Amino acid sequence: MTTGSVWVFVGERAGFPAGVFAELEEAEAWIRTHALSGVLTLYPVGEGAYDWAIRTGAFTPKPDKVIDAGFISRFSSGSMPHFHYEDGEK
């Protein structure tokens, strides 16, 4: 069960998040301060992106497509609220 959400920033070509924030304004201030480039996405707490996308109807698995652990671990949804930044600017 989802118990809120957090903003997660992943920089360009990064394999891991660089920051996690409770408030959008807090995240954007940090991104501007450091002139960062990347994507800030709102993730649910307590639920994976794959499960969120299915639950909200943003993604429907196709019966002929292999859905395995690798697919789920790399899954992201463009339907999740997100913003792109370049050099600290939206």
C-alpha atoms as a PDB file:
ATOM      1  CA  MET A   1       0.000   0.000   0.000  1.00  0.00           C
ATOM      2  CA  THR A   2       1.264   3.440  -0.926  1.00  0.00           C
ATOM      3  CA  THR A   3       1.968   5.730   2.003  1.00  0.00           C
ATOM      4  CA  GLY A   4       2.860   8.973   0.261  1.00  0.00           C
ATOM      5  CA  SER A   5       5.407   9.878  -2.340  1.00  0.00           C
ATOM      6  CA  VAL A   6       8.885  11.327  -2.783  1.00  0.00           C
ATOM      7  CA  TRP A   7      10.678  13.202  -5.541  1.00  0.00           C
ATOM      8  CA  VAL A   8      13.730  11.309  -6.825  1.00  0.00           C
ATOM      9  CA  PHE A   9      16.421  13.046  -8.893  1.00  0.00           C
ATOM     10  CA  VAL A  10      18.570  11.009 -11.285  1.00  0.00           C
ATOM     11  CA  GLY A  11      21.302  12.888 -13.115  1.00  0.00           C
ATOM     12  CA  GLU A  12      22.246  12.420 -16.740  1.00  0.00           C
ATOM     13  CA  ARG A  13      24.021   9.108 -17.345  1.00  0.00           C
ATOM     14  CA  ALA A  14      23.678   8.259 -13.639  1.00  0.00           C
ATOM     15  CA  GLY A  15      22.960   4.722 -12.522  1.00  0.00           C
ATOM     16  CA  PHE A  16      21.662   5.748  -9.116  1.00  0.00           C
ATOM     17  CA  PRO A  17      19.593   8.608  -7.685  1.00  0.00           C
ATOM     18  CA  ALA A  18      21.505  11.639  -6.487  1.00  0.00           C
ATOM     19  CA  GLY A  19      18.786  12.943  -4.186  1.00  0.00           C
ATOM     20  CA  VAL A  20      15.390  12.136  -2.664  1.00  0.00           C
ATOM     21  CA  PHE A  21      13.074  14.902  -1.485  1.00  0.00           C
ATOM     22  CA  ALA A  22       9.712  15.173   0.246  1.00  0.00           C
ATOM     23  CA  GLU A  23       8.790  18.455  -1.495  1.00  0.00           C
ATOM     24  CA  LEU A  24       9.111  19.556  -5.120  1.00  0.00           C
ATOM     25  CA  GLU A  25      10.296  23.033  -4.118  1.00  0.00           C
ATOM     26  CA  GLU A  26      13.075  21.557  -1.993  1.00  0.00           C
ATOM     27  CA  ALA A  27      14.252  19.363  -4.890  1.00  0.00           C
ATOM     28  CA  GLU A  28      14.152  22.185  -7.417  1.00  0.00           C
ATOM     29  CA  ALA A  29      16.121  24.507  -5.129  1.00  0.00           C
ATOM     30  CA  TRP A  30      18.835  21.841  -4.789  1.00  0.00           C
ATOM     31  CA  ILE A  31      18.903  21.220  -8.551  1.00  0.00           C
ATOM     32  CA  ARG A  32      19.224  24.977  -9.239  1.00  0.00           C
ATOM     33  CA  THR A  33      21.923  25.463  -6.570  1.00  0.00           C
ATOM     34  CA  HIS A  34      24.125  22.826  -8.207  1.00  0.00           C
ATOM     35  CA  ALA A  35      23.086  23.552 -11.836  1.00  0.00           C
ATOM     36  CA  LEU A  36      22.217  19.888 -12.370  1.00  0.00           C
ATOM     37  CA  SER A  37      20.933  18.112 -15.466  1.00  0.00           C
ATOM     38  CA  GLY A  38      18.663  15.086 -15.212  1.00  0.00           C
ATOM     39  CA  VAL A  39      15.128  13.987 -14.359  1.00  0.00           C
ATOM     40  CA  LEU A  40      13.091  14.547 -11.198  1.00  0.00           C
ATOM     41  CA  THR A  41      10.290  11.973 -10.804  1.00  0.00           C
ATOM     42  CA  LEU A  42       7.545  11.556  -8.224  1.00  0.00           C
ATOM     43  CA  TYR A  43       7.644   7.969  -6.900  1.00  0.00           C
ATOM     44  CA  PRO A  44       5.142   6.318  -4.573  1.00  0.00           C
ATOM     45  CA  VAL A  45       6.489   5.110  -1.235  1.00  0.00           C
ATOM     46  CA  GLY A  46       5.861   1.431  -0.560  1.00  0.00           C
ATOM     47  CA  GLU A  47       5.135   0.466  -4.173  1.00  0.00           C
ATOM     48  CA  GLY A  48       7.346  -0.297  -7.153  1.00  0.00           C
ATOM     49  CA  ALA A  49       7.021   1.701 -10.366  1.00  0.00           C
ATOM     50  CA  TYR A  50       5.936  -1.414 -12.295  1.00  0.00           C
ATOM     51  CA  ASP A  51       3.140  -2.197  -9.830  1.00  0.00           C
ATOM     52  CA  TRP A  52       2.091   1.464  -9.705  1.00  0.00           C
ATOM     53  CA  ALA A  53       1.823   1.610 -13.497  1.00  0.00           C
ATOM     54  CA  ILE A  54      -0.340  -1.508 -13.632  1.00  0.00           C
ATOM     55  CA  ARG A  55      -2.546  -0.362 -10.738  1.00  0.00           C
ATOM     56  CA  THR A  56      -3.164   3.064 -12.281  1.00  0.00           C
ATOM     57  CA  GLY A  57      -3.679   1.738 -15.806  1.00  0.00           C
ATOM     58  CA  ALA A  58      -0.564   3.472 -17.133  1.00  0.00           C
ATOM     59  CA  PHE A  59       0.837   0.097 -18.287  1.00  0.00           C
ATOM     60  CA  THR A  60      -0.753  -3.161 -19.336  1.00  0.00           C
ATOM     61  CA  PRO A  61       1.581  -6.135 -19.793  1.00  0.00           C
ATOM     62  CA  LYS A  62       1.224  -7.811 -23.188  1.00  0.00           C
ATOM     63  CA  PRO A  63       0.600 -11.566 -22.993  1.00  0.00           C
ATOM     64  CA  ASP A  64       3.340 -12.340 -25.550  1.00  0.00           C
ATOM     65  CA  LYS A  65       6.025 -10.205 -23.865  1.00  0.00           C
ATOM     66  CA  VAL A  66       8.369 -11.758 -21.332  1.00  0.00           C
ATOM     67  CA  ILE A  67       8.032  -9.910 -18.028  1.00  0.00           C
ATOM     68  CA  ASP A  68      10.894 -11.034 -15.829  1.00  0.00           C
ATOM     69  CA  ALA A  69      12.870  -9.649 -12.912  1.00  0.00           C
ATOM     70  CA  GLY A  70      15.210  -7.778 -15.246  1.00  0.00           C
ATOM     71  CA  PHE A  71      12.330  -6.002 -16.977  1.00  0.00           C
ATOM     72  CA  ILE A  72      10.656  -5.052 -13.695  1.00  0.00           C
ATOM     73  CA  SER A  73      13.910  -3.833 -12.108  1.00  0.00           C
ATOM     74  CA  ARG A  74      14.535  -1.471 -15.059  1.00  0.00           C
ATOM     75  CA  PHE A  75      10.916  -0.365 -15.470  1.00  0.00           C
ATOM     76  CA  SER A  76       9.981   3.300 -15.448  1.00  0.00           C
ATOM     77  CA  SER A  77       6.778   4.977 -16.518  1.00  0.00           C
ATOM     78  CA  GLY A  78       6.493   8.216 -18.426  1.00  0.00           C
ATOM     79  CA  SER A  79       3.075   8.557 -16.782  1.00  0.00           C
ATOM     80  CA  MET A  80       4.646   9.284 -13.407  1.00  0.00           C
ATOM     81  CA  PRO A  81       4.864  13.029 -12.757  1.00  0.00           C
ATOM     82  CA  HIS A  82       8.366  14.103 -13.813  1.00  0.00           C
ATOM     83  CA  PHE A  83      10.401  17.100 -14.961  1.00  0.00           C
ATOM     84  CA  HIS A  84      13.587  17.390 -17.022  1.00  0.00           C
ATOM     85  CA  TYR A  85      16.361  19.809 -16.074  1.00  0.00           C
ATOM     86  CA  GLU A  86      19.414  21.093 -17.880  1.00  0.00           C
ATOM     87  CA  ASP A  87      22.046  23.076 -16.008  1.00  0.00           C
ATOM     88  CA  GLY A  88      19.581  23.590 -13.156  1.00  0.00           C
ATOM     89  CA  GLU A  89      16.737  24.900 -15.326  1.00  0.00           C
ATOM     90  CA  LYS A  90      13.455  23.149 -16.110  1.00  0.00           C
END
